[in-house]
Amino acid sequence: MEMSSIMASQLRELQSTVQMSVMKNALNMSSASAVEMLQNMPEQPTASHPYKGTVVDISG
């Protein structure tokens, strides 16, 4: 095998590794920012159930 083809193969592998590393870091940063955004959301008021806990007259 020629030296240039060996170097080209190694360069492709290195590019692939770097690309995967960059994508993984971007995904981690996106996940971290999404978690932070969810944690910083104001507390949502709880809506009462439309009929739970009330007496419903079903006699008819």
N, C-alpha and C. Protein backbone atom coordinates (compact mmCIF):
# COMPACT_ATOMS: atom_id res chain seq x y z
N MET A 1 0.84 -1.18 0.00
CA MET A 1 0.00 0.00 0.00
C MET A 1 0.89 1.24 0.00
N GLU A 2 0.50 2.21 -0.78
CA GLU A 2 1.29 3.44 -0.84
C GLU A 2 1.12 4.27 0.42
N MET A 3 2.13 5.06 0.67
CA MET A 3 2.09 5.93 1.85
C MET A 3 0.95 6.95 1.74
N SER A 4 0.71 7.48 0.56
CA SER A 4 -0.33 8.49 0.40
C SER A 4 -1.72 7.90 0.65
N SER A 5 -1.94 6.66 0.22
CA SER A 5 -3.25 6.04 0.46
C SER A 5 -3.43 5.72 1.94
N ILE A 6 -2.36 5.34 2.63
CA ILE A 6 -2.44 5.09 4.08
C ILE A 6 -2.78 6.38 4.80
N MET A 7 -2.12 7.47 4.42
CA MET A 7 -2.35 8.75 5.05
C MET A 7 -3.78 9.25 4.76
N ALA A 8 -4.24 9.02 3.54
CA ALA A 8 -5.60 9.43 3.18
C ALA A 8 -6.63 8.65 4.00
N SER A 9 -6.39 7.38 4.19
CA SER A 9 -7.29 6.55 4.99
C SER A 9 -7.31 7.03 6.44
N GLN A 10 -6.14 7.31 6.98
CA GLN A 10 -6.06 7.80 8.36
C GLN A 10 -6.74 9.16 8.50
N LEU A 11 -6.60 10.00 7.49
CA LEU A 11 -7.23 11.32 7.52
C LEU A 11 -8.74 11.19 7.52
N ARG A 12 -9.27 10.26 6.71
CA ARG A 12 -10.72 10.03 6.69
C ARG A 12 -11.22 9.57 8.06
N GLU A 13 -10.47 8.65 8.68
CA GLU A 13 -10.85 8.17 10.00
C GLU A 13 -10.81 9.29 11.03
N LEU A 14 -9.80 10.14 10.95
CA LEU A 14 -9.68 11.26 11.88
C LEU A 14 -10.82 12.25 11.68
N GLN A 15 -11.16 12.54 10.43
CA GLN A 15 -12.27 13.45 10.14
C GLN A 15 -13.58 12.90 10.68
N SER A 16 -13.79 11.61 10.52
CA SER A 16 -15.00 10.97 11.02
C SER A 16 -15.05 11.05 12.55
N THR A 17 -13.93 10.79 13.19
CA THR A 17 -13.87 10.84 14.66
C THR A 17 -14.15 12.25 15.17
N VAL A 18 -13.54 13.24 14.53
CA VAL A 18 -13.73 14.63 14.94
C VAL A 18 -15.19 15.04 14.73
N GLN A 19 -15.75 14.64 13.59
CA GLN A 19 -17.14 14.98 13.30
C GLN A 19 -18.07 14.38 14.35
N MET A 20 -17.86 13.13 14.71
CA MET A 20 -18.70 12.49 15.73
C MET A 20 -18.53 13.18 17.08
N SER A 21 -17.31 13.57 17.40
CA SER A 21 -17.05 14.25 18.67
C SER A 21 -17.76 15.59 18.71
N VAL A 22 -17.71 16.34 17.61
CA VAL A 22 -18.37 17.64 17.55
C VAL A 22 -19.88 17.46 17.67
N MET A 23 -20.43 16.46 16.97
CA MET A 23 -21.87 16.22 17.04
C MET A 23 -22.29 15.80 18.45
N LYS A 24 -21.47 14.98 19.10
CA LYS A 24 -21.78 14.54 20.47
C LYS A 24 -21.77 15.72 21.42
N ASN A 25 -20.77 16.60 21.28
CA ASN A 25 -20.69 17.77 22.15
C ASN A 25 -21.88 18.71 21.91
N ALA A 26 -22.27 18.89 20.66
CA ALA A 26 -23.42 19.75 20.36
C ALA A 26 -24.70 19.16 20.96
N LEU A 27 -24.86 17.85 20.88
CA LEU A 27 -26.03 17.20 21.47
C LEU A 27 -26.05 17.36 22.98
N ASN A 28 -24.88 17.21 23.61
CA ASN A 28 -24.79 17.37 25.06
C ASN A 28 -25.13 18.79 25.48
N MET A 29 -24.64 19.78 24.71
CA MET A 29 -24.94 21.17 25.05
C MET A 29 -26.42 21.47 24.86
N SER A 30 -27.02 20.91 23.81
CA SER A 30 -28.45 21.11 23.58
C SER A 30 -29.27 20.48 24.71
N SER A 31 -28.88 19.29 25.12
CA SER A 31 -29.58 18.61 26.21
C SER A 31 -29.45 19.39 27.50
N ALA A 32 -28.25 19.88 27.78
CA ALA A 32 -28.03 20.63 29.02
C ALA A 32 -28.83 21.92 29.01
N SER A 33 -28.88 22.60 27.88
CA SER A 33 -29.64 23.86 27.83
C SER A 33 -31.15 23.59 27.92
N ALA A 34 -31.62 22.48 27.36
CA ALA A 34 -33.04 22.13 27.48
C ALA A 34 -33.40 21.82 28.93
N VAL A 35 -32.55 21.09 29.62
CA VAL A 35 -32.79 20.78 31.04
C VAL A 35 -32.80 22.06 31.86
N GLU A 36 -31.85 22.95 31.58
CA GLU A 36 -31.78 24.23 32.32
C GLU A 36 -33.04 25.06 32.06
N MET A 37 -33.49 25.08 30.81
CA MET A 37 -34.68 25.84 30.48
C MET A 37 -35.90 25.28 31.21
N LEU A 38 -36.02 23.95 31.26
CA LEU A 38 -37.15 23.33 31.96
C LEU A 38 -37.09 23.60 33.47
N GLN A 39 -35.89 23.60 34.02
CA GLN A 39 -35.75 23.86 35.45
C GLN A 39 -36.07 25.31 35.80
N ASN A 40 -35.82 26.23 34.87
CA ASN A 40 -36.05 27.64 35.13
C ASN A 40 -37.46 28.10 34.78
N MET A 41 -38.30 27.17 34.32
CA MET A 41 -39.68 27.54 34.00
C MET A 41 -40.42 27.91 35.27
N PRO A 42 -41.29 28.92 35.19
CA PRO A 42 -42.08 29.24 36.38
C PRO A 42 -43.05 28.10 36.70
N GLU A 43 -43.41 28.01 37.95
CA GLU A 43 -44.32 26.95 38.39
C GLU A 43 -45.68 27.14 37.73
N GLN A 44 -46.18 26.08 37.14
CA GLN A 44 -47.47 26.14 36.46
C GLN A 44 -48.59 25.88 37.47
N PRO A 45 -49.66 26.67 37.42
CA PRO A 45 -50.78 26.38 38.33
C PRO A 45 -51.46 25.08 37.93
N THR A 46 -51.88 24.33 38.92
CA THR A 46 -52.53 23.06 38.62
C THR A 46 -54.01 23.32 38.35
N ALA A 47 -54.48 22.78 37.27
CA ALA A 47 -55.89 22.95 36.91
C ALA A 47 -56.72 21.92 37.66
N SER A 48 -57.87 22.35 38.14
CA SER A 48 -58.73 21.41 38.85
C SER A 48 -59.44 20.52 37.83
N HIS A 49 -59.69 19.31 38.25
CA HIS A 49 -60.38 18.36 37.39
C HIS A 49 -61.84 18.81 37.25
N PRO A 50 -62.43 18.69 36.05
CA PRO A 50 -63.77 19.24 35.85
C PRO A 50 -64.86 18.59 36.72
N TYR A 51 -64.70 17.31 37.09
CA TYR A 51 -65.75 16.70 37.91
C TYR A 51 -65.22 15.82 39.03
N LYS A 52 -63.94 15.60 39.11
CA LYS A 52 -63.40 14.72 40.14
C LYS A 52 -63.60 15.36 41.52
N GLY A 53 -64.14 14.60 42.43
CA GLY A 53 -64.36 15.09 43.77
C GLY A 53 -65.73 15.76 43.96
N THR A 54 -66.52 15.84 42.93
CA THR A 54 -67.86 16.42 43.06
C THR A 54 -68.89 15.31 42.98
N VAL A 55 -70.06 15.59 43.48
CA VAL A 55 -71.13 14.62 43.45
C VAL A 55 -71.86 14.78 42.12
N VAL A 56 -71.99 13.69 41.40
CA VAL A 56 -72.70 13.71 40.12
C VAL A 56 -73.99 12.92 40.29
N ASP A 57 -75.11 13.55 40.03
CA ASP A 57 -76.43 12.90 40.15
C ASP A 57 -76.72 12.16 38.87
N ILE A 58 -76.71 10.82 38.93
CA ILE A 58 -76.97 10.04 37.71
C ILE A 58 -78.37 9.41 37.75
N SER A 59 -79.17 9.75 38.78
CA SER A 59 -80.54 9.19 38.81
C SER A 59 -81.39 9.93 37.79
N GLY A 60 -82.17 9.24 37.10
CA GLY A 60 -82.94 9.91 36.08
C GLY A 60 -84.21 9.29 35.84
